[in-house]
Amino acid sequence: MRKHFDTGSMIVIIVTFLLFIMALFAKGLTQDLLLEAGVFLVSVKLIMMAYHNSVFIKSIENELKEIKGLMEEK
C-alpha cells in the first residue's frame, strides 16, 4: 500500500488528522466539531479516490504491457 501513497499524501493525512485532534480538544464536543469532522471526511475521501486511481492506473499499465508483449510476438 505504501507504493500508492506518495510523500505528499502521507503528509496531508498526518496534518489533517492532527488538526482534527487539535480541533477536538480546542472546541470540545460542540456543533463546530461537525464542521471539523466534515472537513476531515472530505480529506479522507480525496485520499481514497487518489488511492483508487493509483490502483486503476497500475492495472491499466499491466494490461498495456501484456498487449505490447502479444504484439511483439507477432
C-alpha atoms as a PDB file:
ATOM      1  CA  MET A   1       0.000   0.000   0.000  1.00  0.00           C
ATOM      2  CA  ARG A   2       2.998   2.307   0.540  1.00  0.00           C
ATOM      3  CA  LYS A   3       3.670   2.408  -3.199  1.00  0.00           C
ATOM      4  CA  HIS A   4       0.257   4.031  -3.806  1.00  0.00           C
ATOM      5  CA  PHE A   5       0.714   6.801  -1.234  1.00  0.00           C
ATOM      6  CA  ASP A   6       3.360   9.348  -2.103  1.00  0.00           C
ATOM      7  CA  THR A   7       5.050  11.555   0.458  1.00  0.00           C
ATOM      8  CA  GLY A   8       2.613  14.411  -0.157  1.00  0.00           C
ATOM      9  CA  SER A   9      -0.413  12.207   0.549  1.00  0.00           C
ATOM     10  CA  MET A  10       1.125  10.910   3.749  1.00  0.00           C
ATOM     11  CA  ILE A  11       1.838  14.470   4.923  1.00  0.00           C
ATOM     12  CA  VAL A  12      -1.752  15.523   4.148  1.00  0.00           C
ATOM     13  CA  ILE A  13      -3.116  12.516   6.069  1.00  0.00           C
ATOM     14  CA  ILE A  14      -0.986  13.236   9.120  1.00  0.00           C
ATOM     15  CA  VAL A  15      -1.576  17.008   9.146  1.00  0.00           C
ATOM     16  CA  THR A  16      -5.337  16.617   8.639  1.00  0.00           C
ATOM     17  CA  PHE A  17      -5.570  14.066  11.442  1.00  0.00           C
ATOM     18  CA  LEU A  18      -3.501  16.223  13.800  1.00  0.00           C
ATOM     19  CA  LEU A  19      -5.608  19.299  13.052  1.00  0.00           C
ATOM     20  CA  PHE A  20      -8.776  17.286  13.643  1.00  0.00           C
ATOM     21  CA  ILE A  21      -7.485  16.079  17.027  1.00  0.00           C
ATOM     22  CA  MET A  22      -6.444  19.632  17.958  1.00  0.00           C
ATOM     23  CA  ALA A  23      -9.885  20.953  16.998  1.00  0.00           C
ATOM     24  CA  LEU A  24     -11.490  18.219  19.084  1.00  0.00           C
ATOM     25  CA  PHE A  25      -9.617  19.386  22.172  1.00  0.00           C
ATOM     26  CA  ALA A  26      -9.973  23.102  21.403  1.00  0.00           C
ATOM     27  CA  LYS A  27     -13.683  23.116  20.531  1.00  0.00           C
ATOM     28  CA  GLY A  28     -14.837  20.213  22.633  1.00  0.00           C
ATOM     29  CA  LEU A  29     -17.968  18.316  21.698  1.00  0.00           C
ATOM     30  CA  THR A  30     -19.865  21.223  20.159  1.00  0.00           C
ATOM     31  CA  GLN A  31     -21.545  21.824  16.829  1.00  0.00           C
ATOM     32  CA  ASP A  32     -18.255  23.139  15.436  1.00  0.00           C
ATOM     33  CA  LEU A  33     -16.980  19.605  15.726  1.00  0.00           C
ATOM     34  CA  LEU A  34     -19.391  18.579  12.961  1.00  0.00           C
ATOM     35  CA  LEU A  35     -17.731  21.056  10.620  1.00  0.00           C
ATOM     36  CA  GLU A  36     -14.288  19.739  11.535  1.00  0.00           C
ATOM     37  CA  ALA A  37     -15.469  16.162  11.029  1.00  0.00           C
ATOM     38  CA  GLY A  38     -16.853  17.109   7.617  1.00  0.00           C
ATOM     39  CA  VAL A  39     -13.518  18.613   6.556  1.00  0.00           C
ATOM     40  CA  PHE A  40     -11.723  15.509   7.807  1.00  0.00           C
ATOM     41  CA  LEU A  41     -14.069  13.199   5.897  1.00  0.00           C
ATOM     42  CA  VAL A  42     -13.647  15.187   2.679  1.00  0.00           C
ATOM     43  CA  SER A  43      -9.877  14.879   3.017  1.00  0.00           C
ATOM     44  CA  VAL A  44     -10.158  11.137   3.612  1.00  0.00           C
ATOM     45  CA  LYS A  45     -12.460  10.778   0.588  1.00  0.00           C
ATOM     46  CA  LEU A  46      -9.994  12.624  -1.653  1.00  0.00           C
ATOM     47  CA  ILE A  47      -7.153  10.417  -0.462  1.00  0.00           C
ATOM     48  CA  MET A  48      -9.258   7.287  -1.040  1.00  0.00           C
ATOM     49  CA  MET A  49     -10.040   8.472  -4.578  1.00  0.00           C
ATOM     50  CA  ALA A  50      -6.335   9.067  -5.242  1.00  0.00           C
ATOM     51  CA  TYR A  51      -5.550   5.558  -3.981  1.00  0.00           C
ATOM     52  CA  HIS A  52      -8.276   4.041  -6.179  1.00  0.00           C
ATOM     53  CA  ASN A  53      -6.939   5.935  -9.204  1.00  0.00           C
ATOM     54  CA  SER A  54      -3.429   4.710  -8.470  1.00  0.00           C
ATOM     55  CA  VAL A  55      -4.563   1.087  -8.316  1.00  0.00           C
ATOM     56  CA  PHE A  56      -6.586   1.527 -11.515  1.00  0.00           C
ATOM     57  CA  ILE A  57      -3.630   3.068 -13.354  1.00  0.00           C
ATOM     58  CA  LYS A  58      -1.384   0.173 -12.298  1.00  0.00           C
ATOM     59  CA  SER A  59      -3.893  -2.337 -13.680  1.00  0.00           C
ATOM     60  CA  ILE A  60      -4.109  -0.425 -16.975  1.00  0.00           C
ATOM     61  CA  GLU A  61      -0.302  -0.342 -17.198  1.00  0.00           C
ATOM     62  CA  ASN A  62      -0.156  -4.102 -16.677  1.00  0.00           C
ATOM     63  CA  GLU A  63      -2.764  -4.694 -19.387  1.00  0.00           C
ATOM     64  CA  LEU A  64      -0.889  -2.423 -21.801  1.00  0.00           C
ATOM     65  CA  LYS A  65       2.355  -4.296 -21.137  1.00  0.00           C
ATOM     66  CA  GLU A  66       0.539  -7.558 -21.819  1.00  0.00           C
ATOM     67  CA  ILE A  67      -0.875  -6.222 -25.097  1.00  0.00           C
ATOM     68  CA  LYS A  68       2.548  -4.893 -26.102  1.00  0.00           C
ATOM     69  CA  GLY A  69       4.078  -8.285 -25.401  1.00  0.00           C
ATOM     70  CA  LEU A  70       1.463 -10.001 -27.555  1.00  0.00           C
ATOM     71  CA  MET A  71       2.043  -7.550 -30.398  1.00  0.00           C
ATOM     72  CA  GLU A  72       5.813  -8.031 -30.275  1.00  0.00           C
ATOM     73  CA  GLU A  73       5.385 -11.812 -30.572  1.00  0.00           C
ATOM     74  CA  LYS A  74       3.684 -11.435 -33.956  1.00  0.00           C
END
